[in-house]
Amino acid sequence: MAMRMGMSVGSTTDASSLSDQVKRYKLREFKETDAGDYQQPPKGGPERPPNPAHEALTDKCIKVVVDNFAERPVHEAVPAKHMREITARLPVDMDPTVTAVYVFDENYWKRCCIERFGWQNCQIVEHGLTWKQLFFETYLQERLEGHEAEAGDDLTDLLECVTACQDYIFTLTIRELRSHLDIEQVCQLLPNLTKLDMTYGIKKCGMEYVRMMFGMKISDSNCLARCFTSAPNLTTVVLSSNLIDDDLLRMLMTGLIKNDSITHLDMSHNKITNHGVRLLSKLLGAQSVLTSLNLSDNQIHAEGGRYLGRGLRTNDTLIDLNLRLNRLTDDGGRMLLEGLRQNNTLMRLNLSSNSLGSETTGALMSVFQEPDSPLCTVDMSCNNMNSIDVISLHSSLENNRALTSIDLRMNPEVGTDADEALDSIHDIVHANELDVRN
């Protein structure tokens, strides 16, 4: 090939050859000329900012949607893969009334629970195994507990919040309600409410303790009574530690007697006496749907045991009855268990700490000897049973195949001469439990 001046053929023409272009190419060196020129970043230093022209159109759209989500939320028209990216970028401090309707990603609600409120001990099992339900049930609880009408808090804003999250409220738990607002207005907006757990107390009152700040008032009982009649899906009511006496219970009964959905009723740690038990025994009638009744730590005496025993004779729904920490005495325990002999549904009975003795033990033996008795769990701890009672109880359990648990601890009059009977009772109960499992 002919060569001219070390250049290949074509170097003197308008179009150079490829080899000529390669030889003429020189690497560009960056020099520090002035402060305005670009300087090549040192190794390990900050990278060059991304060029907006190189950003994908989808990323730009996602950024715009995230920046304007509070004013113009979207959901239906966005593909699922892009919606996941949008919710991953959304801030956790957005208005819950907006995100309740348009955000369904569980990862977002988990971030809200942990980052926004710092709820580190989140029991998701108690909230339907969904983070969104956990968020809104706890968020509504905080809003209700923090509402103070005297401080000028607007009830309209609170009710708007309830309306926005109504689809995700199944359990409403309140530990203080300083405003004593009409709870019926809240429950009417919650069509899925199944459990209501309310305590009219005060958190962290310190030296500002005032007796009138604690407990349920007459207006509260009236509101709850109306709530019971207007909540068709309500199944569990917990009104523990509300200083409920017989007068307040009489008002509550006006709503409870008309309700046909409540199956679990907890009135523990209150001031209910025999007259209140007489009212509650009406819930055990022929139209009863109650399956669990907790009246522990009240002021129920022997006469109250007679009312409950009378109600249990004809009841065919109650499964669990808790009467621990009352004052039934031996006579009241006997009348209660005499009514239980004709009952074919009660499976769990707690009579702990009621000063029960030999008469109650004899009635309990008759229940155990009934061939159709379903009673499987009994708590007779912290009573006045003696060694003879335990030995007699053992003889009544020899042919029993239903009892799987019985607690006879803390009966101070039971001596060492009953140890053999206690061991035999334990063996019988353990064998029955194994039979049930198999």
Foldseek 3Di string as FASTA:
>chain_A
DDDDPNADPPPPPPDHDPVVVVVVDDDDDDDCDDPVDDDDDDPPDDDDDDDPVPDDPLVVVLVVCQVCCLPPNDADVDDPVSVVVSLVPHDLPHDCLRCLVHPDDQVSLVCNCCVVVNPPPQPCVVQVVGSLLSNLLVVLQVVQQPDAVVVPDDVVVNLSSLLSNLVSHQEHAHAAHQNLDLCLSSLLSRQNHAEYADFHDDPPCDPVDDPVSGADDLSSLLSLLVNLQNHQRHAYYAYERRQDEQVSLVSNLNNVVNHLRHAYYHHEHYAYELNSLLSVLSCLDPSHQHAEYHHEQYAYELSSLLSQLVSQLHGARHAYYHHANYAHAQNSLLNNLQSVQNHQHHAEYEHHHHQHEDSNLVSVLSSQQRPRHQHAYYEHAQYQYALVSLQSSLVSLPPGLRHQYYHHYHNVRYDPVNVVSVVSVNVSNPVSVVVVVD
